PDB file of all heavy atoms in Angstrom:
ATOM      1  N   ILE A   1       0.852  -1.111  -0.057  1.00  0.00           N
ATOM      2  CA  ILE A   1       0.060   0.081  -0.037  1.00  0.00           C
ATOM      3  C   ILE A   1       0.852   1.214  -0.026  1.00  0.00           C
ATOM      4  O   ILE A   1       0.663   2.165  -0.767  1.00  0.00           O
ATOM      5  CB  ILE A   1      -0.973   0.036   1.271  1.00  0.00           C
ATOM      6  CG1 ILE A   1      -2.151  -1.073   1.060  1.00  0.00           C
ATOM      7  CG2 ILE A   1      -1.495   1.381   1.519  1.00  0.00           C
ATOM      8  CD1 ILE A   1      -2.911  -1.219   2.203  1.00  0.00           C
ATOM      9  N   GLU A   2       1.859   1.190   0.798  1.00  0.00           N
ATOM     10  CA  GLU A   2       2.789   2.411   0.966  1.00  0.00           C
ATOM     11  C   GLU A   2       3.458   2.657  -0.371  1.00  0.00           C
ATOM     12  O   GLU A   2       3.635   3.875  -0.894  1.00  0.00           O
ATOM     13  CB  GLU A   2       3.777   2.272   2.051  1.00  0.00           C
ATOM     14  CG  GLU A   2       4.722   3.347   2.322  1.00  0.00           C
ATOM     15  CD  GLU A   2       5.665   3.111   3.468  1.00  0.00           C
ATOM     16  OE1 GLU A   2       5.371   2.335   4.327  1.00  0.00           O
ATOM     17  OE2 GLU A   2       6.805   3.716   3.264  1.00  0.00           O
ATOM     18  N   LYS A   3       3.952   1.589  -1.049  1.00  0.00           N
ATOM     19  CA  LYS A   3       4.628   1.889  -2.297  1.00  0.00           C
ATOM     20  C   LYS A   3       3.714   2.312  -3.350  1.00  0.00           C
ATOM     21  O   LYS A   3       4.132   3.102  -4.135  1.00  0.00           O
ATOM     22  CB  LYS A   3       5.151   0.382  -2.726  1.00  0.00           C
ATOM     23  CG  LYS A   3       6.397  -0.076  -1.780  1.00  0.00           C
ATOM     24  CD  LYS A   3       7.601   0.780  -1.780  1.00  0.00           C
ATOM     25  CE  LYS A   3       8.648   0.366  -0.844  1.00  0.00           C
ATOM     26  NZ  LYS A   3       9.896   1.276  -0.734  1.00  0.00           N
ATOM     27  N   VAL A   4       2.471   1.815  -3.364  1.00  0.00           N
ATOM     28  CA  VAL A   4       1.575   2.308  -4.465  1.00  0.00           C
ATOM     29  C   VAL A   4       1.217   3.863  -4.229  1.00  0.00           C
ATOM     30  O   VAL A   4       1.244   4.581  -5.054  1.00  0.00           O
ATOM     31  CB  VAL A   4       0.324   1.550  -4.495  1.00  0.00           C
ATOM     32  CG1 VAL A   4      -0.763   2.283  -5.275  1.00  0.00           C
ATOM     33  CG2 VAL A   4       0.583   0.077  -4.956  1.00  0.00           C
ATOM     34  N   LEU A   5       1.017   4.147  -2.931  1.00  0.00           N
ATOM     35  CA  LEU A   5       0.717   5.614  -2.583  1.00  0.00           C
ATOM     36  C   LEU A   5       1.934   6.483  -2.942  1.00  0.00           C
ATOM     37  O   LEU A   5       1.741   7.581  -3.433  1.00  0.00           O
ATOM     38  CB  LEU A   5       0.433   5.684  -1.041  1.00  0.00           C
ATOM     39  CG  LEU A   5      -1.018   5.144  -0.650  1.00  0.00           C
ATOM     40  CD1 LEU A   5      -0.936   5.095   0.916  1.00  0.00           C
ATOM     41  CD2 LEU A   5      -2.004   5.948  -1.300  1.00  0.00           C
ATOM     42  N   GLU A   6       3.174   5.947  -2.762  1.00  0.00           N
ATOM     43  CA  GLU A   6       4.388   6.656  -2.983  1.00  0.00           C
ATOM     44  C   GLU A   6       4.526   6.816  -4.548  1.00  0.00           C
ATOM     45  O   GLU A   6       4.824   8.004  -4.856  1.00  0.00           O
ATOM     46  CB  GLU A   6       5.640   5.920  -2.441  1.00  0.00           C
ATOM     47  CG  GLU A   6       6.893   6.714  -2.426  1.00  0.00           C
ATOM     48  CD  GLU A   6       7.951   5.864  -1.802  1.00  0.00           C
ATOM     49  OE1 GLU A   6       7.915   4.706  -1.774  1.00  0.00           O
ATOM     50  OE2 GLU A   6       8.802   6.556  -1.196  1.00  0.00           O
ATOM     51  N   ARG A   7       4.301   5.721  -5.249  1.00  0.00           N
ATOM     52  CA  ARG A   7       4.416   5.917  -6.687  1.00  0.00           C
ATOM     53  C   ARG A   7       3.334   6.842  -7.246  1.00  0.00           C
ATOM     54  O   ARG A   7       3.580   7.572  -8.226  1.00  0.00           O
ATOM     55  CB  ARG A   7       4.160   4.561  -7.412  1.00  0.00           C
ATOM     56  CG  ARG A   7       5.344   3.591  -7.247  1.00  0.00           C
ATOM     57  CD  ARG A   7       5.280   2.497  -8.326  1.00  0.00           C
ATOM     58  NE  ARG A   7       3.992   1.841  -8.269  1.00  0.00           N
ATOM     59  CZ  ARG A   7       3.845   0.684  -7.569  1.00  0.00           C
ATOM     60  NH1 ARG A   7       4.805   0.115  -6.975  1.00  0.00           N
ATOM     61  NH2 ARG A   7       2.716  -0.009  -7.727  1.00  0.00           N
ATOM     62  N   ALA A   8       2.127   6.901  -6.675  1.00  0.00           N
ATOM     63  CA  ALA A   8       1.071   7.742  -7.122  1.00  0.00           C
ATOM     64  C   ALA A   8       1.174   9.194  -6.683  1.00  0.00           C
ATOM     65  O   ALA A   8       0.452  10.042  -7.094  1.00  0.00           O
ATOM     66  CB  ALA A   8      -0.230   7.179  -6.740  1.00  0.00           C
ATOM     67  N   GLY A   9       2.177   9.421  -5.835  1.00  0.00           N
ATOM     68  CA  GLY A   9       2.439  10.814  -5.287  1.00  0.00           C
ATOM     69  C   GLY A   9       1.309  11.153  -4.332  1.00  0.00           C
ATOM     70  O   GLY A   9       1.102  12.402  -4.065  1.00  0.00           O
ATOM     71  N   LYS A  10       0.784  10.215  -3.708  1.00  0.00           N
ATOM     72  CA  LYS A  10      -0.345  10.506  -2.669  1.00  0.00           C
ATOM     73  C   LYS A  10       0.004  10.130  -1.326  1.00  0.00           C
ATOM     74  O   LYS A  10      -0.793  10.375  -0.381  1.00  0.00           O
ATOM     75  CB  LYS A  10      -1.605   9.589  -3.059  1.00  0.00           C
ATOM     76  CG  LYS A  10      -2.244   9.919  -4.429  1.00  0.00           C
ATOM     77  CD  LYS A  10      -3.421   8.997  -4.823  1.00  0.00           C
ATOM     78  CE  LYS A  10      -4.121   9.411  -6.034  1.00  0.00           C
ATOM     79  NZ  LYS A  10      -5.018  10.635  -5.895  1.00  0.00           N
ATOM     80  N   LEU A  11       1.257   9.723  -0.975  1.00  0.00           N
ATOM     81  CA  LEU A  11       1.660   9.193   0.334  1.00  0.00           C
ATOM     82  C   LEU A  11       1.744  10.474   1.148  1.00  0.00           C
ATOM     83  O   LEU A  11       2.576  11.429   0.850  1.00  0.00           O
ATOM     84  CB  LEU A  11       2.949   8.502   0.341  1.00  0.00           C
ATOM     85  CG  LEU A  11       3.419   7.903   1.574  1.00  0.00           C
ATOM     86  CD1 LEU A  11       2.403   6.932   2.035  1.00  0.00           C
ATOM     87  CD2 LEU A  11       4.876   7.367   1.535  1.00  0.00           C
ATOM     88  N   LYS A  12       1.031  10.619   2.274  1.00  0.00           N
ATOM     89  CA  LYS A  12       1.158  11.751   3.276  1.00  0.00           C
ATOM     90  C   LYS A  12       2.419  11.718   3.916  1.00  0.00           C
ATOM     91  O   LYS A  12       2.814  10.484   4.339  1.00  0.00           O
ATOM     92  CB  LYS A  12      -0.027  11.809   4.120  1.00  0.00           C
ATOM     93  CG  LYS A  12      -1.518  11.872   3.459  1.00  0.00           C
ATOM     94  CD  LYS A  12      -1.656  13.178   2.851  1.00  0.00           C
ATOM     95  CE  LYS A  12      -3.223  13.307   2.518  1.00  0.00           C
ATOM     96  NZ  LYS A  12      -3.674  12.550   1.353  1.00  0.00           N
ATOM     97  N   GLY A  13       3.095  12.791   4.068  1.00  0.00           N
ATOM     98  CA  GLY A  13       4.378  12.791   4.779  1.00  0.00           C
ATOM     99  C   GLY A  13       4.375  12.885   6.245  1.00  0.00           C
ATOM    100  O   GLY A  13       5.419  12.879   6.835  1.00  0.00           O
ATOM    101  N   ILE A  14       3.218  13.154   6.862  1.00  0.00           N
ATOM    102  CA  ILE A  14       3.196  13.180   8.420  1.00  0.00           C
ATOM    103  C   ILE A  14       2.661  11.923   9.009  1.00  0.00           C
ATOM    104  O   ILE A  14       1.515  11.500   8.751  1.00  0.00           O
ATOM    105  CB  ILE A  14       2.271  14.332   8.902  1.00  0.00           C
ATOM    106  CG1 ILE A  14       2.742  15.603   8.074  1.00  0.00           C
ATOM    107  CG2 ILE A  14       2.287  14.564  10.178  1.00  0.00           C
ATOM    108  CD1 ILE A  14       4.036  16.126   8.487  1.00  0.00           C
ATOM    109  N   LEU A  15       3.373  11.346   9.989  1.00  0.00           N
ATOM    110  CA  LEU A  15       2.904  10.337  10.784  1.00  0.00           C
ATOM    111  C   LEU A  15       2.554  10.740  12.182  1.00  0.00           C
ATOM    112  O   LEU A  15       3.339  11.544  12.760  1.00  0.00           O
ATOM    113  CB  LEU A  15       3.973   9.137  10.720  1.00  0.00           C
ATOM    114  CG  LEU A  15       4.410   8.532   9.536  1.00  0.00           C
ATOM    115  CD1 LEU A  15       5.493   7.576   9.644  1.00  0.00           C
ATOM    116  CD2 LEU A  15       3.175   7.746   8.945  1.00  0.00           C
ATOM    117  N   TYR A  16       1.595  10.252  12.848  1.00  0.00           N
ATOM    118  CA  TYR A  16       1.254  10.431  14.208  1.00  0.00           C
ATOM    119  C   TYR A  16       1.224   9.216  15.007  1.00  0.00           C
ATOM    120  O   TYR A  16       0.655   8.313  14.733  1.00  0.00           O
ATOM    121  CB  TYR A  16      -0.137  11.102  14.333  1.00  0.00           C
ATOM    122  CG  TYR A  16      -0.189  12.539  13.731  1.00  0.00           C
ATOM    123  CD1 TYR A  16      -0.483  12.616  12.389  1.00  0.00           C
ATOM    124  CD2 TYR A  16       0.216  13.750  14.317  1.00  0.00           C
ATOM    125  CE1 TYR A  16      -0.498  13.829  11.715  1.00  0.00           C
ATOM    126  CE2 TYR A  16       0.224  14.908  13.712  1.00  0.00           C
ATOM    127  CZ  TYR A  16      -0.135  15.013  12.337  1.00  0.00           C
ATOM    128  OH  TYR A  16      -0.297  16.220  11.659  1.00  0.00           O
ATOM    129  N   ALA A  17       2.135   9.162  16.079  1.00  0.00           N
ATOM    130  CA  ALA A  17       2.133   8.069  16.879  1.00  0.00           C
ATOM    131  C   ALA A  17       2.682   8.348  18.243  1.00  0.00           C
ATOM    132  O   ALA A  17       3.576   9.097  18.414  1.00  0.00           O
ATOM    133  CB  ALA A  17       3.015   6.970  16.300  1.00  0.00           C
ATOM    134  N   ALA A  18       2.060   7.832  19.311  1.00  0.00           N
ATOM    135  CA  ALA A  18       2.551   7.967  20.750  1.00  0.00           C
ATOM    136  C   ALA A  18       2.758   9.407  21.155  1.00  0.00           C
ATOM    137  O   ALA A  18       3.674   9.844  21.799  1.00  0.00           O
ATOM    138  CB  ALA A  18       3.745   7.155  20.853  1.00  0.00           C
ATOM    139  N   GLY A  19       1.929  10.362  20.577  1.00  0.00           N
ATOM    140  CA  GLY A  19       2.032  11.745  20.950  1.00  0.00           C
ATOM    141  C   GLY A  19       3.077  12.508  20.145  1.00  0.00           C
ATOM    142  O   GLY A  19       3.410  13.804  20.415  1.00  0.00           O
ATOM    143  N   LEU A  20       3.588  11.880  19.078  1.00  0.00           N
ATOM    144  CA  LEU A  20       4.639  12.396  18.188  1.00  0.00           C
ATOM    145  C   LEU A  20       4.130  12.922  16.864  1.00  0.00           C
ATOM    146  O   LEU A  20       3.178  12.226  16.403  1.00  0.00           O
ATOM    147  CB  LEU A  20       5.817  11.514  18.068  1.00  0.00           C
ATOM    148  CG  LEU A  20       6.551  10.844  19.360  1.00  0.00           C
ATOM    149  CD1 LEU A  20       7.526   9.725  18.962  1.00  0.00           C
ATOM    150  CD2 LEU A  20       7.219  11.972  20.094  1.00  0.00           C
ATOM    151  N   GLU A  21       4.750  13.798  16.246  1.00  0.00           N
ATOM    152  CA  GLU A  21       4.395  14.307  14.965  1.00  0.00           C
ATOM    153  C   GLU A  21       5.784  14.016  14.138  1.00  0.00           C
ATOM    154  O   GLU A  21       6.738  14.681  14.362  1.00  0.00           O
ATOM    155  CB  GLU A  21       4.066  15.771  14.834  1.00  0.00           C
ATOM    156  CG  GLU A  21       3.780  16.123  13.335  1.00  0.00           C
ATOM    157  CD  GLU A  21       3.513  17.720  13.316  1.00  0.00           C
ATOM    158  OE1 GLU A  21       2.575  18.075  13.902  1.00  0.00           O
ATOM    159  OE2 GLU A  21       4.182  18.441  12.562  1.00  0.00           O
ATOM    160  N   ILE A  22       5.727  13.022  13.326  1.00  0.00           N
ATOM    161  CA  ILE A  22       6.913  12.645  12.466  1.00  0.00           C
ATOM    162  C   ILE A  22       6.724  12.993  11.000  1.00  0.00           C
ATOM    163  O   ILE A  22       5.830  12.562  10.404  1.00  0.00           O
ATOM    164  CB  ILE A  22       7.022  11.086  12.640  1.00  0.00           C
ATOM    165  CG1 ILE A  22       7.044  10.632  14.026  1.00  0.00           C
ATOM    166  CG2 ILE A  22       8.478  10.704  11.962  1.00  0.00           C
ATOM    167  CD1 ILE A  22       6.874   9.155  14.256  1.00  0.00           C
ATOM    168  N   ASP A  23       7.642  13.936  10.566  1.00  0.00           N
ATOM    169  CA  ASP A  23       7.630  14.426   9.201  1.00  0.00           C
ATOM    170  C   ASP A  23       8.642  13.632   8.399  1.00  0.00           C
ATOM    171  O   ASP A  23       9.789  13.839   8.563  1.00  0.00           O
ATOM    172  CB  ASP A  23       7.858  15.868   9.254  1.00  0.00           C
ATOM    173  CG  ASP A  23       7.643  16.469   7.757  1.00  0.00           C
ATOM    174  OD1 ASP A  23       7.848  15.860   6.831  1.00  0.00           O
ATOM    175  OD2 ASP A  23       7.047  17.629   7.653  1.00  0.00           O
ATOM    176  N   THR A  24       8.193  12.744   7.579  1.00  0.00           N
ATOM    177  CA  THR A  24       9.002  11.860   6.801  1.00  0.00           C
ATOM    178  C   THR A  24       9.765  12.546   5.695  1.00  0.00           C
ATOM    179  O   THR A  24      10.713  12.067   5.130  1.00  0.00           O
ATOM    180  CB  THR A  24       8.384  10.570   6.249  1.00  0.00           C
ATOM    181  OG1 THR A  24       7.326  10.987   5.355  1.00  0.00           O
ATOM    182  CG2 THR A  24       7.830   9.804   7.468  1.00  0.00           C
ATOM    183  N   ASN A  25       9.144  13.820   5.312  1.00  0.00           N
ATOM    184  CA  ASN A  25       9.802  14.426   4.209  1.00  0.00           C
ATOM    185  C   ASN A  25      10.988  15.410   4.787  1.00  0.00           C
ATOM    186  O   ASN A  25      12.055  15.421   4.205  1.00  0.00           O
ATOM    187  CB  ASN A  25       8.772  15.314   3.445  1.00  0.00           C
ATOM    188  CG  ASN A  25       7.693  14.532   2.716  1.00  0.00           C
ATOM    189  OD1 ASN A  25       8.036  13.385   2.197  1.00  0.00           O
ATOM    190  ND2 ASN A  25       6.487  14.976   2.692  1.00  0.00           N
ATOM    191  N   GLU A  26      10.581  16.002   5.889  1.00  0.00           N
ATOM    192  CA  GLU A  26      11.643  16.882   6.526  1.00  0.00           C
ATOM    193  C   GLU A  26      12.525  16.159   7.400  1.00  0.00           C
ATOM    194  O   GLU A  26      13.527  16.682   7.885  1.00  0.00           O
ATOM    195  CB  GLU A  26      10.824  17.991   7.333  1.00  0.00           C
ATOM    196  CG  GLU A  26      10.008  18.938   6.448  1.00  0.00           C
ATOM    197  CD  GLU A  26      10.890  19.667   5.540  1.00  0.00           C
ATOM    198  OE1 GLU A  26      12.033  20.067   5.796  1.00  0.00           O
ATOM    199  OE2 GLU A  26      10.307  20.196   4.284  1.00  0.00           O
ATOM    200  N   ARG A  27      12.187  14.930   7.616  1.00  0.00           N
ATOM    201  CA  ARG A  27      12.940  14.103   8.719  1.00  0.00           C
ATOM    202  C   ARG A  27      13.038  14.718  10.094  1.00  0.00           C
ATOM    203  O   ARG A  27      14.195  14.890  10.549  1.00  0.00           O
ATOM    204  CB  ARG A  27      14.223  13.679   8.212  1.00  0.00           C
ATOM    205  CG  ARG A  27      14.197  12.822   6.876  1.00  0.00           C
ATOM    206  CD  ARG A  27      15.565  12.395   6.374  1.00  0.00           C
ATOM    207  NE  ARG A  27      16.229  11.572   7.273  1.00  0.00           N
ATOM    208  CZ  ARG A  27      16.017  10.142   7.496  1.00  0.00           C
ATOM    209  NH1 ARG A  27      15.165   9.582   6.717  1.00  0.00           N
ATOM    210  NH2 ARG A  27      16.860   9.523   8.304  1.00  0.00           N
ATOM    211  N   THR A  28      11.928  15.088  10.575  1.00  0.00           N
ATOM    212  CA  THR A  28      11.855  15.755  11.903  1.00  0.00           C
ATOM    213  C   THR A  28      10.897  15.065  12.772  1.00  0.00           C
ATOM    214  O   THR A  28       9.884  14.448  12.360  1.00  0.00           O
ATOM    215  CB  THR A  28      11.476  17.200  11.857  1.00  0.00           C
ATOM    216  OG1 THR A  28      10.261  17.384  11.153  1.00  0.00           O
ATOM    217  CG2 THR A  28      12.440  18.035  10.969  1.00  0.00           C
ATOM    218  N   VAL A  29      11.086  15.257  14.088  1.00  0.00           N
ATOM    219  CA  VAL A  29      10.182  14.633  15.068  1.00  0.00           C
ATOM    220  C   VAL A  29       9.878  15.720  16.093  1.00  0.00           C
ATOM    221  O   VAL A  29      10.749  16.444  16.531  1.00  0.00           O
ATOM    222  CB  VAL A  29      10.800  13.505  15.808  1.00  0.00           C
ATOM    223  CG1 VAL A  29       9.879  12.859  16.941  1.00  0.00           C
ATOM    224  CG2 VAL A  29      11.224  12.348  14.873  1.00  0.00           C
ATOM    225  N   LYS A  30       8.495  15.919  16.440  1.00  0.00           N
ATOM    226  CA  LYS A  30       8.127  16.952  17.238  1.00  0.00           C
ATOM    227  C   LYS A  30       7.150  16.319  18.322  1.00  0.00           C
ATOM    228  O   LYS A  30       6.391  15.549  18.031  1.00  0.00           O
ATOM    229  CB  LYS A  30       7.447  18.121  16.695  1.00  0.00           C
ATOM    230  CG  LYS A  30       8.307  18.966  15.681  1.00  0.00           C
ATOM    231  CD  LYS A  30       7.440  19.981  15.058  1.00  0.00           C
ATOM    232  CE  LYS A  30       8.374  20.834  14.061  1.00  0.00           C
ATOM    233  NZ  LYS A  30       7.630  21.948  13.401  1.00  0.00           N
ATOM    234  N   ARG A  31       7.204  16.872  19.528  1.00  0.00           N
ATOM    235  CA  ARG A  31       6.203  16.521  20.588  1.00  0.00           C
ATOM    236  C   ARG A  31       5.842  17.858  21.127  1.00  0.00           C
ATOM    237  O   ARG A  31       6.510  18.670  21.552  1.00  0.00           O
ATOM    238  CB  ARG A  31       6.887  15.700  21.679  1.00  0.00           C
ATOM    239  CG  ARG A  31       5.797  15.327  22.757  1.00  0.00           C
ATOM    240  CD  ARG A  31       6.455  14.592  24.002  1.00  0.00           C
ATOM    241  NE  ARG A  31       7.191  13.442  23.728  1.00  0.00           N
ATOM    242  CZ  ARG A  31       6.599  12.195  23.591  1.00  0.00           C
ATOM    243  NH1 ARG A  31       5.211  12.159  23.780  1.00  0.00           N
ATOM    244  NH2 ARG A  31       7.298  11.241  23.429  1.00  0.00           N
ATOM    245  N   ASN A  32       4.458  18.007  20.969  1.00  0.00           N
ATOM    246  CA  ASN A  32       3.916  19.390  21.397  1.00  0.00           C
ATOM    247  C   ASN A  32       4.587  20.461  20.776  1.00  0.00           C
ATOM    248  O   ASN A  32       4.735  21.560  21.420  1.00  0.00           O
ATOM    249  CB  ASN A  32       3.858  19.438  23.001  1.00  0.00           C
ATOM    250  CG  ASN A  32       3.015  18.345  23.628  1.00  0.00           C
ATOM    251  OD1 ASN A  32       1.996  17.981  23.172  1.00  0.00           O
ATOM    252  ND2 ASN A  32       3.600  17.844  24.808  1.00  0.00           N
ATOM    253  N   GLY A  33       4.955  20.450  19.448  1.00  0.00           N
ATOM    254  CA  GLY A  33       5.602  21.559  18.849  1.00  0.00           C
ATOM    255  C   GLY A  33       7.061  21.690  19.090  1.00  0.00           C
ATOM    256  O   GLY A  33       7.743  22.461  18.352  1.00  0.00           O
ATOM    257  N   GLU A  34       7.612  20.841  19.999  1.00  0.00           N
ATOM    258  CA  GLU A  34       9.090  20.931  20.312  1.00  0.00           C
ATOM    259  C   GLU A  34       9.842  19.970  19.462  1.00  0.00           C
ATOM    260  O   GLU A  34       9.509  18.738  19.396  1.00  0.00           O
ATOM    261  CB  GLU A  34       9.280  20.666  21.753  1.00  0.00           C
ATOM    262  CG  GLU A  34      10.735  20.755  22.178  1.00  0.00           C
ATOM    263  CD  GLU A  34      11.026  20.466  23.557  1.00  0.00           C
ATOM    264  OE1 GLU A  34       9.978  20.346  24.432  1.00  0.00           O
ATOM    265  OE2 GLU A  34      12.069  20.377  24.049  1.00  0.00           O
ATOM    266  N   LEU A  35      10.824  20.484  18.745  1.00  0.00           N
ATOM    267  CA  LEU A  35      11.731  19.564  17.840  1.00  0.00           C
ATOM    268  C   LEU A  35      12.592  18.680  18.674  1.00  0.00           C
ATOM    269  O   LEU A  35      13.285  19.259  19.645  1.00  0.00           O
ATOM    270  CB  LEU A  35      12.450  20.510  16.947  1.00  0.00           C
ATOM    271  CG  LEU A  35      13.300  19.849  15.842  1.00  0.00           C
ATOM    272  CD1 LEU A  35      12.301  19.118  14.879  1.00  0.00           C
ATOM    273  CD2 LEU A  35      14.032  20.830  15.010  1.00  0.00           C
ATOM    274  N   ILE A  36      12.680  17.409  18.436  1.00  0.00           N
ATOM    275  CA  ILE A  36      13.526  16.536  19.022  1.00  0.00           C
ATOM    276  C   ILE A  36      14.578  15.839  18.056  1.00  0.00           C
ATOM    277  O   ILE A  36      14.020  15.432  17.031  1.00  0.00           O
ATOM    278  CB  ILE A  36      12.789  15.385  19.814  1.00  0.00           C
ATOM    279  CG1 ILE A  36      11.730  16.056  20.744  1.00  0.00           C
ATOM    280  CG2 ILE A  36      13.717  14.495  20.547  1.00  0.00           C
ATOM    281  CD1 ILE A  36      10.702  15.024  21.349  1.00  0.00           C
ATOM    282  N   THR A  37      15.827  15.905  18.304  1.00  0.00           N
ATOM    283  CA  THR A  37      16.825  15.513  17.420  1.00  0.00           C
ATOM    284  C   THR A  37      17.171  14.077  17.511  1.00  0.00           C
ATOM    285  O   THR A  37      17.401  13.653  18.530  1.00  0.00           O
ATOM    286  CB  THR A  37      18.087  16.301  17.509  1.00  0.00           C
ATOM    287  OG1 THR A  37      17.873  17.730  17.313  1.00  0.00           O
ATOM    288  CG2 THR A  37      19.074  15.916  16.474  1.00  0.00           C
ATOM    289  N   LEU A  38      17.008  13.292  16.351  1.00  0.00           N
ATOM    290  CA  LEU A  38      17.477  11.967  16.272  1.00  0.00           C
ATOM    291  C   LEU A  38      18.470  11.703  15.300  1.00  0.00           C
ATOM    292  O   LEU A  38      18.582  12.347  14.396  1.00  0.00           O
ATOM    293  CB  LEU A  38      16.245  11.115  15.991  1.00  0.00           C
ATOM    294  CG  LEU A  38      15.019  10.918  16.825  1.00  0.00           C
ATOM    295  CD1 LEU A  38      13.988   9.996  16.326  1.00  0.00           C
ATOM    296  CD2 LEU A  38      15.467  10.545  18.316  1.00  0.00           C
ATOM    297  N   LYS A  39      19.305  10.654  15.513  1.00  0.00           N
ATOM    298  CA  LYS A  39      20.204  10.286  14.513  1.00  0.00           C
ATOM    299  C   LYS A  39      19.537   9.630  13.304  1.00  0.00           C
ATOM    300  O   LYS A  39      18.428   9.215  13.539  1.00  0.00           O
ATOM    301  CB  LYS A  39      21.259   9.450  15.050  1.00  0.00           C
ATOM    302  CG  LYS A  39      22.221  10.004  16.099  1.00  0.00           C
ATOM    303  CD  LYS A  39      23.190   9.065  16.636  1.00  0.00           C
ATOM    304  CE  LYS A  39      24.141   9.649  17.789  1.00  0.00           C
ATOM    305  NZ  LYS A  39      25.083   8.815  18.369  1.00  0.00           N
ATOM    306  N   PRO A  40      20.121   9.654  12.106  1.00  0.00           N
ATOM    307  CA  PRO A  40      19.489   9.150  10.848  1.00  0.00           C
ATOM    308  C   PRO A  40      18.904   7.652  11.159  1.00  0.00           C
ATOM    309  O   PRO A  40      17.771   7.399  10.724  1.00  0.00           O
ATOM    310  CB  PRO A  40      20.600   9.017   9.787  1.00  0.00           C
ATOM    311  CG  PRO A  40      21.505  10.203  10.262  1.00  0.00           C
ATOM    312  CD  PRO A  40      21.527  10.219  11.756  1.00  0.00           C
TER     313      PRO A  40
END
């Protein structure tokens, strides 16, 4: 499903889990608007 959405240009870049906002395009993680740095 993810691969088809990606090929079609429809894959949403934001994931929400455990109170986190994960931006897969910008490669950032936020909790309550605060940026948290992770290694690649």
